[in-house]
Every structure is written in structure tokens, then in C-alpha cells.
Amino acid sequence: MSRHVFKLPDLGEGTVSAEIVAWLVKPGDVLREDQPLVEMSTDKAVVEIPAPVGGRVLTITGKPGDVIAVGAELATFDTADTTGANALAAPAPAAAAAATAASPPAARAEAQAGTATQVRASPATRRRAQEAGLDLAAVSGSGSSGRIMPDDLRSALSARTSGGPAPTAAPAAPAPPAPAPAIQEIPVIGIRRVIAQRMSEAARSIPHFSYVEEVDITALHAMREHLNATAPKGATPLSYLPFIVAALVRALQRYPQCNAHYDAAREVILRHGAIHVGVATQTSEGLKVPVVRNAHERKLRALAAEITRVTGAARDRSARREELSGSTITVTSLGKLGGIASTPIINMPEVAIIGVNRAVERPMVIAGAITVRRMMNLSSSFDHRFVDGADAAGMIQALKDLLEHPATIFIAE
């Protein structure tokens, strides 16, 4: 036997430890080099760590939720035992499912246990499939390298439901009442644990000052509709968000104190010249904040394309670590679910966050007459230690003025 000890590698950006999200193998499995081994969560993202060598897995260290230090033992391999090294990569999902279905129950259970480790899917997708009793080996993945995405799972569950037997005649007797739902225990691990820790720290340590202002975006809406109607073929459709980011860039040039970090360890405010806008994005794993870097250097359609790219990468887990960190100010929006007002929590170590509520048509009084206008509220929060109320209000008023007169967003000063 040739024993190889694999230690948790440095995952970059000063990471000293990482949390186990899900093991993708078990002791006894035989792997090829670079085959997915384990999913680990840092304070930035979930990363998939491949096997460093080929061979049989002898031991694995820790369970989901455990935190492992960089340099600590993670797994051991017998590199001399490569018998069945292709077993975990063998048949296509459909063929594997057919073969498994034709096997006796005991053999079927054993086969499913072996194929579970080769399926590429997030822990959340695996959990939903398990709860629904669906074998992921029978699902075709549309993601990178065949990864099963949430839409793939929904399609498979829908197809299974629609293919069920036709309803029969009314039952002879009423069905007994369903038992009361059991309490489900959900471990707070991975991205959800990071979110919980960071939100708690921000709410505990930052004296939030929230400011809500309504904005008349009737002219902005008309400009957006015109630009989308006349867009070149293949151009990214324009939502309100690229306009808001473009206007925010202009407003921050007048209020640079809002484009800053607070270094608590050194008690220093770092006022940034470059504007890197974080875009709060809901994913199947929880809230992530991918970053549009150097927003001040991008034109409108380039902003729209980059926002679409980084938020898409955050959702399908292809975002690199550096794309999920380094923002200097954050924009958060729930789109049509945006409500009337909100009180967003600041993304530490930033000192401001801009909240965007939904756009709706409302009756407004203009020059003494009631008219219908498209209105949107901005609900923003500031770190009151470093951003005074007058500066916070001034910045939002500057942003409001730009959005209400959208041509001024693009006029050089």
C-alpha cells in the first residue's frame, strides 16, 4: 500500500480555515486524479476541491458543518489501489438509471450508493432530491461538466409527476387524516452560516441610519423602453439596475465618503477612488454579492452585460472567489418583490448600501393636477459613525435627481 495524506490547501485571500459542506465520496471509493472530492465553504464562496491523486479513499476527516484548518489532514488515499478507478465515472445517467432499475432491490440500493458520489450537484439540490425520493443519477444536468442545476431538478420532478397513473374512481372510504408535519432540523452550515455570522456582526457593530426617498422614474422608464426597442441584435436587455448603477457612480463622485471601507482593526477609513459595486443576488444557497468592478469605467450596455454575467455566475456557482469580494458599495433589489420600503443591512466593511424597491404607477400631484407617474422608492442604509445624516440625504438626493432626469447621467461634467 502506498498511503497519500491530503491536507486542506490554501484557498487564497488569507483563508486560514474552511467549512465542510458536503463530501462527494466515501471511504472505499476509488477515484481518478482531479475527480470531485469535497465541497468546502469559505467566507466568500463554496468551492469544489478535487482529488489530488488517483486511488482508493482510506479515510475522510470531518462531517458537514465541521471547520478544518488549512494544512490539516482532510483525506488519505491508497495510491497503489486503482481497481475500479473508472467506476464512479462510468455510464451515462440514463443508462445507469435503466440498469439500476432492472436490478434486484439489494443490488439497486448498492448501485445507487455508488453512483451518488459521481453526480455533480450542489448540496441544496441533493437535499431536495433526497426529500423527493428522486435518484439524481437519472437526471441530465445542464450546468458546467454536467452539473445538475435547480431547473433540471424541477423539470425532472415535474416530468415524474405528470407521468403518474390516471386518477381512478372515487375511493370507497375517505382517506385517514394526514399526520401532523414533523419538525425538520436544518443544520446552519456553509453559505447560510456565513450569511448568519456576517449579518449578525453588521447589525451588532454598525449604527445603521436608514433613509427612504421616492423617485419619479417616468422619464427613465421611457428611455429604457426606447433603448431596448432599438437595441442591436444580441445586446443585453436593460433593466433599471444598470441605470441605477450608472447614476450611483455619478453621485459618488460628489459624495466619496459613501464609497469607503472602515478598517476596524486599524481604526482607519479607506476612501476608494475606484467604484466596485456589489449586487446582492439571491441564489439557491442564499444571498451572495458578486461585484461589478470599475463601474465608473463602464458604459451603460457594458454595465448591463457585466451585471448579468456576475449575477449569473453567482447563481450557477461558477463565480470565482475574486468576483465575490472587494465591493466598495452595494446595491440590493428584490425587483417586483421590492415592497414599499426596506431597511437593508450594510455589507461590512462598507459604509453604505442602496436599496431599490419596486416600480409602480401611482397618482401624483404635478403642478396642481393629479397625474399617473411611475414611482420607485430608494431605501438605503448608512454607517452613522462615518456618514452624517446630511451627507446620506445629499447623496440620495443627487441620485434621485439623476434618475428623474436620466439624460444627465450621461452628460460629462
Protein backbone atom coordinates (compact mmCIF):
# COMPACT_ATOMS: atom_id res chain seq x y z
CA MET A 1 0.00 0.00 0.00
CA SER A 2 1.21 3.49 -0.85
CA ARG A 3 -0.50 5.94 1.53
CA HIS A 4 -1.01 9.56 0.49
CA VAL A 5 -2.18 12.15 3.04
CA PHE A 6 -4.10 15.06 1.54
CA LYS A 7 -4.17 18.26 3.62
CA LEU A 8 -6.54 21.17 3.13
CA PRO A 9 -4.78 23.53 0.71
CA ASP A 10 -4.63 27.31 0.95
CA LEU A 11 -7.78 28.52 -0.79
CA GLY A 12 -6.46 32.06 -1.23
CA GLU A 13 -7.13 35.56 0.14
CA GLY A 14 -5.71 34.76 3.57
CA THR A 15 -8.09 31.88 4.26
CA VAL A 16 -6.99 30.02 7.40
CA SER A 17 -9.85 27.50 7.57
CA ALA A 18 -12.87 26.28 5.62
CA GLU A 19 -16.11 24.51 6.45
CA ILE A 20 -17.10 21.13 5.05
CA VAL A 21 -20.33 21.50 3.07
CA ALA A 22 -20.62 18.01 1.53
CA TRP A 23 -18.41 15.01 0.93
CA LEU A 24 -18.73 13.79 -2.66
CA VAL A 25 -17.07 10.44 -1.89
CA LYS A 26 -16.88 7.94 0.96
CA PRO A 27 -14.16 5.62 2.28
CA GLY A 28 -13.70 2.72 -0.09
CA ASP A 29 -14.44 4.70 -3.25
CA VAL A 30 -11.77 4.58 -5.94
CA LEU A 31 -11.13 7.92 -7.61
CA ARG A 32 -9.28 9.29 -10.55
CA GLU A 33 -6.99 12.28 -10.07
CA ASP A 34 -8.94 15.57 -10.23
CA GLN A 35 -12.27 13.83 -9.60
CA PRO A 36 -14.52 15.92 -7.24
CA LEU A 37 -13.73 15.05 -3.63
CA VAL A 38 -15.40 17.54 -1.27
CA GLU A 39 -17.22 20.87 -1.24
CA MET A 40 -15.77 23.41 1.19
CA SER A 41 -17.15 26.80 2.19
CA THR A 42 -15.01 29.85 2.92
CA ASP A 43 -16.32 33.26 3.94
CA LYS A 44 -16.62 34.09 0.22
CA ALA A 45 -17.94 31.06 -1.64
CA VAL A 46 -18.37 27.30 -1.82
CA VAL A 47 -15.51 25.67 -3.71
CA GLU A 48 -15.23 22.12 -5.02
CA ILE A 49 -11.89 20.51 -4.18
CA PRO A 50 -10.71 17.70 -6.48
CA ALA A 51 -8.76 14.59 -5.51
CA PRO A 52 -5.02 15.35 -5.71
CA VAL A 53 -4.16 11.76 -6.72
CA GLY A 54 -5.86 8.66 -8.03
CA GLY A 55 -6.52 5.73 -5.72
CA ARG A 56 -8.84 4.31 -3.07
CA VAL A 57 -10.14 6.60 -0.35
CA LEU A 58 -9.00 5.26 3.02
CA THR A 59 -10.28 7.96 5.38
CA ILE A 60 -12.04 11.30 5.31
CA THR A 61 -11.83 13.87 8.11
CA GLY A 62 -14.89 15.63 9.45
CA LYS A 63 -18.57 15.87 8.60
CA PRO A 64 -20.67 18.63 7.01
CA GLY A 65 -20.53 21.67 9.27
CA ASP A 66 -17.06 20.94 10.67
CA VAL A 67 -14.39 23.62 10.21
CA ILE A 68 -10.99 22.38 9.02
CA ALA A 69 -7.80 24.43 9.31
CA VAL A 70 -5.62 24.98 6.27
CA GLY A 71 -2.85 22.37 6.43
CA ALA A 72 -4.90 19.89 8.47
CA GLU A 73 -5.49 16.36 7.22
CA LEU A 74 -8.55 16.15 5.00
CA ALA A 75 -8.38 12.66 3.45
CA THR A 76 -6.00 9.75 2.88
CA PHE A 77 -5.61 7.61 -0.24
CA ASP A 78 -4.06 4.29 -1.18
CA THR A 79 -2.50 5.32 -4.48
CA ALA A 80 -1.49 1.73 -5.25
CA ASP A 81 -5.12 0.57 -5.32
CA THR A 82 -6.73 1.81 -8.54
CA THR A 83 -9.04 -1.17 -9.05
CA GLY A 84 -12.28 0.18 -10.47
CA ALA A 85 -10.85 3.67 -10.87
CA ASN A 86 -13.36 4.39 -13.61
CA ALA A 87 -16.32 3.04 -11.67
CA LEU A 88 -17.52 6.44 -10.48
CA ALA A 89 -17.35 7.94 -13.97
CA ALA A 90 -18.86 5.09 -15.92
CA PRO A 91 -22.32 5.04 -17.51
CA ALA A 92 -24.37 7.96 -18.73
CA PRO A 93 -27.18 8.92 -16.31
CA ALA A 94 -29.95 7.41 -18.40
CA ALA A 95 -28.14 4.11 -18.92
CA ALA A 96 -27.16 3.91 -15.29
CA ALA A 97 -30.74 4.53 -14.21
CA ALA A 98 -32.06 1.82 -16.53
CA ALA A 99 -29.52 -0.69 -15.31
CA THR A 100 -30.24 0.17 -11.70
CA ALA A 101 -33.99 -0.13 -12.16
CA ALA A 102 -33.60 -3.65 -13.57
CA SER A 103 -31.55 -4.85 -10.61
CA PRO A 104 -32.87 -6.63 -7.50
CA PRO A 105 -33.63 -4.27 -4.56
CA ALA A 106 -30.42 -5.01 -2.67
CA ALA A 107 -28.26 -4.55 -5.75
CA ARG A 108 -30.21 -1.43 -6.68
CA ALA A 109 -29.53 0.17 -3.29
CA GLU A 110 -25.84 -0.65 -3.58
CA ALA A 111 -25.67 0.78 -7.10
CA GLN A 112 -27.41 3.97 -6.06
CA ALA A 113 -24.95 4.43 -3.21
CA GLY A 114 -22.05 4.12 -5.69
CA THR A 115 -23.49 6.49 -8.32
CA ALA A 116 -24.45 9.16 -5.76
CA THR A 117 -20.85 10.23 -5.47
CA GLN A 118 -20.36 10.90 -9.20
CA VAL A 119 -23.32 13.22 -9.61
CA ARG A 120 -22.34 16.90 -9.83
CA ALA A 121 -24.90 18.95 -7.88
CA SER A 122 -24.99 21.45 -5.04
CA PRO A 123 -25.80 20.27 -1.50
CA ALA A 124 -29.15 22.07 -1.68
CA THR A 125 -30.06 20.23 -4.91
CA ARG A 126 -29.00 16.89 -3.40
CA ARG A 127 -31.11 17.56 -0.31
CA ARG A 128 -34.23 18.45 -2.33
CA ALA A 129 -33.80 15.35 -4.50
CA GLN A 130 -33.42 13.15 -1.42
CA GLU A 131 -36.53 14.64 0.18
CA ALA A 132 -38.46 13.98 -3.04
CA GLY A 133 -37.13 10.42 -3.37
CA LEU A 134 -35.50 11.16 -6.74
CA ASP A 135 -32.26 9.48 -7.84
CA LEU A 136 -30.05 12.26 -9.26
CA ALA A 137 -28.20 9.73 -11.42
CA ALA A 138 -31.29 9.67 -13.65
CA VAL A 139 -31.29 13.46 -14.15
CA SER A 140 -29.44 15.13 -17.00
CA GLY A 141 -27.53 18.21 -15.88
CA SER A 142 -27.37 21.38 -17.98
CA GLY A 143 -24.62 23.06 -15.98
CA SER A 144 -20.86 23.02 -16.40
CA SER A 145 -19.46 19.46 -16.71
CA GLY A 146 -22.98 18.06 -16.44
CA ARG A 147 -23.74 19.70 -13.07
CA ILE A 148 -27.41 19.34 -12.16
CA MET A 149 -28.95 22.79 -11.76
CA PRO A 150 -32.12 23.65 -9.78
CA ASP A 151 -34.12 23.95 -13.04
CA ASP A 152 -33.01 20.45 -14.06
CA LEU A 153 -34.32 19.07 -10.78
CA ARG A 154 -37.62 20.93 -11.11
CA SER A 155 -38.07 19.58 -14.66
CA ALA A 156 -37.36 16.03 -13.53
CA LEU A 157 -39.82 16.26 -10.65
CA SER A 158 -42.45 17.79 -12.94
CA ALA A 159 -41.99 15.03 -15.52
CA ARG A 160 -42.28 12.38 -12.85
CA THR A 161 -45.49 13.93 -11.54
CA SER A 162 -47.09 14.31 -14.97
CA GLY A 163 -46.26 10.74 -15.89
CA GLY A 164 -48.18 9.20 -13.00
CA PRO A 165 -51.23 6.93 -13.39
CA ALA A 166 -54.59 8.40 -14.29
CA PRO A 167 -56.95 9.04 -11.37
CA THR A 168 -59.37 6.24 -10.51
CA ALA A 169 -62.97 6.37 -9.37
CA ALA A 170 -63.89 7.85 -6.02
CA PRO A 171 -62.49 5.82 -3.12
CA ALA A 172 -64.76 3.54 -1.17
CA ALA A 173 -63.87 5.24 2.08
CA PRO A 174 -62.37 8.61 2.94
CA ALA A 175 -58.64 8.65 3.41
CA PRO A 176 -57.44 8.97 7.00
CA PRO A 177 -56.24 12.42 8.04
CA ALA A 178 -52.61 13.14 7.25
CA PRO A 179 -50.28 13.07 10.23
CA ALA A 180 -49.09 16.38 11.59
CA PRO A 181 -45.96 17.62 9.78
CA ALA A 182 -42.79 16.69 11.58
CA ILE A 183 -40.25 19.27 12.68
CA GLN A 184 -37.41 19.46 10.18
CA GLU A 185 -33.96 20.17 11.55
CA ILE A 186 -31.80 22.09 9.08
CA PRO A 187 -28.13 22.49 10.04
CA VAL A 188 -26.87 26.06 9.66
CA ILE A 189 -23.72 25.34 7.66
CA GLY A 190 -21.93 26.53 4.55
CA ILE A 191 -23.09 29.75 2.92
CA ARG A 192 -26.05 30.03 5.31
CA ARG A 193 -23.70 30.02 8.32
CA VAL A 194 -21.51 32.71 6.72
CA ILE A 195 -24.59 34.84 5.99
CA ALA A 196 -25.83 34.45 9.57
CA GLN A 197 -22.47 35.39 11.06
CA ARG A 198 -21.89 38.42 8.82
CA MET A 199 -25.43 39.77 9.19
CA SER A 200 -25.26 39.42 12.96
CA GLU A 201 -21.88 41.15 13.13
CA ALA A 202 -23.06 44.02 10.89
CA ALA A 203 -26.28 44.56 12.84
CA ARG A 204 -24.43 44.37 16.16
CA SER A 205 -21.49 46.65 15.37
CA ILE A 206 -22.84 49.23 12.90
CA PRO A 207 -25.24 52.01 13.98
CA HIS A 208 -27.46 51.93 10.90
CA PHE A 209 -29.08 55.12 9.66
CA SER A 210 -31.80 54.42 7.07
CA TYR A 211 -33.14 56.97 4.61
CA VAL A 212 -36.11 56.41 2.26
CA GLU A 213 -36.88 58.63 -0.72
CA GLU A 214 -39.37 58.30 -3.58
CA VAL A 215 -38.16 58.80 -7.14
CA ASP A 216 -40.21 59.61 -10.23
CA ILE A 217 -38.75 57.30 -12.90
CA THR A 218 -41.33 58.01 -15.60
CA ALA A 219 -38.71 59.53 -17.92
CA LEU A 220 -36.21 56.79 -17.05
CA HIS A 221 -38.80 54.14 -17.88
CA ALA A 222 -39.45 55.75 -21.28
CA MET A 223 -35.71 55.92 -22.02
CA ARG A 224 -35.26 52.28 -21.03
CA GLU A 225 -38.17 51.15 -23.23
CA HIS A 226 -36.77 53.10 -26.20
CA LEU A 227 -33.24 51.75 -25.78
CA ASN A 228 -34.48 48.17 -25.51
CA ALA A 229 -36.67 48.59 -28.60
CA THR A 230 -33.76 49.94 -30.64
CA ALA A 231 -31.03 47.73 -29.19
CA PRO A 232 -28.62 45.97 -31.56
CA LYS A 233 -29.19 42.26 -32.02
CA GLY A 234 -27.76 40.22 -29.15
CA ALA A 235 -27.47 43.16 -26.76
CA THR A 236 -28.24 42.51 -23.08
CA PRO A 237 -31.75 43.82 -22.25
CA LEU A 238 -31.67 46.83 -19.99
CA SER A 239 -33.34 46.57 -16.59
CA TYR A 240 -33.46 49.54 -14.22
CA LEU A 241 -30.35 48.32 -12.42
CA PRO A 242 -27.69 49.46 -14.96
CA PHE A 243 -29.20 52.96 -14.93
CA ILE A 244 -29.17 52.99 -11.12
CA VAL A 245 -25.53 51.86 -11.01
CA ALA A 246 -24.54 54.44 -13.65
CA ALA A 247 -26.31 57.18 -11.68
CA LEU A 248 -24.76 55.95 -8.43
CA VAL A 249 -21.30 56.31 -9.96
CA ARG A 250 -22.04 59.97 -10.72
CA ALA A 251 -23.50 60.62 -7.26
CA LEU A 252 -20.49 59.04 -5.52
CA GLN A 253 -18.16 61.41 -7.31
CA ARG A 254 -19.85 64.19 -5.30
CA TYR A 255 -20.12 62.14 -2.08
CA PRO A 256 -16.96 59.98 -1.99
CA GLN A 257 -17.34 59.40 1.76
CA CYS A 258 -20.05 56.87 0.90
CA ASN A 259 -17.64 54.83 -1.26
CA ALA A 260 -15.48 53.65 1.59
CA HIS A 261 -14.48 50.83 3.92
CA TYR A 262 -13.92 51.00 7.65
CA ASP A 263 -10.86 49.08 8.80
CA ALA A 264 -11.89 48.39 12.40
CA ALA A 265 -8.57 46.78 13.34
CA ARG A 266 -6.62 49.94 12.44
CA GLU A 267 -9.47 52.40 13.04
CA VAL A 268 -8.97 53.87 9.59
CA ILE A 269 -11.49 54.85 6.88
CA LEU A 270 -10.37 53.72 3.44
CA ARG A 271 -11.96 56.03 0.89
CA HIS A 272 -11.77 54.34 -2.51
CA GLY A 273 -11.15 56.13 -5.77
CA ALA A 274 -12.39 53.20 -7.86
CA ILE A 275 -16.06 52.25 -7.60
CA HIS A 276 -16.68 48.50 -7.32
CA VAL A 277 -20.42 47.90 -6.99
CA GLY A 278 -21.66 44.78 -5.22
CA VAL A 279 -25.00 43.46 -6.49
CA ALA A 280 -26.88 41.50 -3.81
CA THR A 281 -28.10 38.33 -5.55
CA GLN A 282 -30.43 35.62 -4.29
CA THR A 283 -29.20 32.12 -5.12
CA SER A 284 -30.30 28.60 -4.24
CA GLU A 285 -27.65 28.62 -1.49
CA GLY A 286 -28.57 32.02 -0.06
CA LEU A 287 -27.55 35.64 -0.57
CA LYS A 288 -24.31 36.35 -2.44
CA VAL A 289 -22.79 39.67 -3.51
CA PRO A 290 -20.95 39.41 -6.84
CA VAL A 291 -19.00 42.52 -7.79
CA VAL A 292 -19.08 44.76 -10.87
CA ARG A 293 -15.53 46.06 -10.79
CA ASN A 294 -14.59 49.52 -12.02
CA ALA A 295 -18.19 50.51 -12.63
CA HIS A 296 -17.01 54.08 -13.19
CA GLU A 297 -15.21 52.99 -16.37
CA ARG A 298 -18.14 51.13 -17.97
CA LYS A 299 -20.78 52.47 -20.34
CA LEU A 300 -24.45 51.59 -19.88
CA ARG A 301 -24.66 48.43 -22.00
CA ALA A 302 -21.31 47.20 -20.66
CA LEU A 303 -22.69 47.67 -17.14
CA ALA A 304 -25.82 45.69 -18.05
CA ALA A 305 -23.77 42.86 -19.55
CA GLU A 306 -21.42 42.69 -16.56
CA ILE A 307 -24.28 42.74 -14.04
CA THR A 308 -25.92 39.87 -15.92
CA ARG A 309 -22.64 37.94 -16.10
CA VAL A 310 -21.60 38.19 -12.44
CA THR A 311 -25.08 37.57 -11.02
CA GLY A 312 -25.50 34.55 -13.32
CA ALA A 313 -22.12 33.21 -12.20
CA ALA A 314 -23.13 33.63 -8.56
CA ARG A 315 -26.33 31.66 -9.16
CA ASP A 316 -24.74 28.77 -11.06
CA ARG A 317 -21.70 28.68 -8.72
CA SER A 318 -19.18 29.40 -11.46
CA ALA A 319 -18.15 32.75 -9.90
CA ARG A 320 -14.50 32.98 -8.94
CA ARG A 321 -13.59 33.98 -5.39
CA GLU A 322 -12.36 37.38 -6.52
CA GLU A 323 -15.74 38.04 -8.17
CA LEU A 324 -17.47 37.66 -4.79
CA SER A 325 -15.38 40.13 -2.81
CA GLY A 326 -13.94 43.62 -2.96
CA SER A 327 -17.07 45.73 -3.41
CA THR A 328 -16.90 49.33 -2.14
CA ILE A 329 -20.69 49.90 -2.04
CA THR A 330 -23.63 47.52 -2.53
CA VAL A 331 -26.95 47.76 -4.35
CA THR A 332 -29.74 45.44 -3.25
CA SER A 333 -33.05 44.96 -5.05
CA LEU A 334 -35.86 42.43 -4.86
CA GLY A 335 -37.32 43.53 -8.18
CA LYS A 336 -41.10 43.07 -8.27
CA LEU A 337 -40.95 41.81 -4.67
CA GLY A 338 -39.25 45.03 -3.59
CA GLY A 339 -42.13 46.31 -1.47
CA ILE A 340 -42.68 49.93 -0.48
CA ALA A 341 -39.69 50.37 1.82
CA SER A 342 -36.98 48.27 3.44
CA THR A 343 -34.05 48.64 5.85
CA PRO A 344 -31.09 46.84 4.24
CA ILE A 345 -28.14 45.76 6.37
CA ILE A 346 -24.76 47.15 5.35
CA ASN A 347 -22.30 44.77 3.72
CA MET A 348 -19.27 45.12 6.02
CA PRO A 349 -16.73 46.70 5.81
CA GLU A 350 -18.62 49.10 3.53
CA VAL A 351 -20.37 52.17 4.96
CA ALA A 352 -23.42 52.37 2.67
CA ILE A 353 -25.94 50.18 0.88
CA ILE A 354 -28.54 51.32 -1.67
CA GLY A 355 -31.89 49.50 -1.53
CA VAL A 356 -34.18 49.54 -4.56
CA ASN A 357 -37.91 48.97 -4.11
CA ARG A 358 -40.35 48.00 -6.83
CA ALA A 359 -41.51 50.45 -9.52
CA VAL A 360 -45.27 51.06 -9.67
CA GLU A 361 -47.62 53.58 -11.24
CA ARG A 362 -49.18 55.92 -8.69
CA PRO A 363 -51.34 59.05 -8.82
CA MET A 364 -49.19 62.09 -8.13
CA VAL A 365 -49.92 65.81 -7.96
CA ILE A 366 -47.90 67.68 -10.61
CA ALA A 367 -48.41 71.45 -10.98
CA GLY A 368 -51.71 71.23 -9.14
CA ALA A 369 -53.12 68.38 -11.26
CA ILE A 370 -53.37 64.66 -10.48
CA THR A 371 -51.49 62.55 -12.99
CA VAL A 372 -50.20 58.97 -13.16
CA ARG A 373 -46.43 58.63 -12.72
CA ARG A 374 -44.13 55.63 -12.41
CA MET A 375 -42.59 55.81 -8.94
CA MET A 376 -39.83 53.89 -7.18
CA ASN A 377 -38.60 54.17 -3.60
CA LEU A 378 -34.93 54.04 -2.64
CA SER A 379 -34.41 52.60 0.85
CA SER A 380 -30.78 52.98 1.83
CA SER A 381 -28.71 52.48 4.96
CA PHE A 382 -25.51 54.20 6.09
CA ASP A 383 -22.94 53.67 8.82
CA HIS A 384 -23.79 56.68 11.02
CA ARG A 385 -20.32 56.65 12.59
CA PHE A 386 -18.77 57.84 9.34
CA VAL A 387 -21.62 59.14 7.16
CA ASP A 388 -23.54 62.07 8.62
CA GLY A 389 -27.27 62.36 8.03
CA ALA A 390 -26.86 65.40 5.80
CA ASP A 391 -24.33 63.60 3.60
CA ALA A 392 -26.51 60.49 3.36
CA ALA A 393 -29.54 62.57 2.39
CA GLY A 394 -27.47 64.65 -0.02
CA MET A 395 -26.15 61.56 -1.80
CA ILE A 396 -29.63 60.07 -2.19
CA GLN A 397 -31.00 63.40 -3.42
CA ALA A 398 -28.22 63.56 -6.01
CA LEU A 399 -29.08 60.01 -7.08
CA LYS A 400 -32.78 60.93 -7.24
CA ASP A 401 -32.08 63.95 -9.43
CA LEU A 402 -30.04 61.89 -11.88
CA LEU A 403 -32.70 59.18 -12.14
CA GLU A 404 -35.51 61.70 -12.60
CA HIS A 405 -33.55 63.42 -15.39
CA PRO A 406 -31.83 60.36 -16.91
CA ALA A 407 -30.12 62.24 -19.75
CA THR A 408 -27.91 63.91 -17.13
CA ILE A 409 -26.46 60.52 -16.19
CA PHE A 410 -24.58 60.53 -19.49
CA ILE A 411 -23.56 64.19 -19.69
CA ALA A 412 -19.91 64.68 -18.82
CA GLU A 413 -19.24 67.39 -16.24
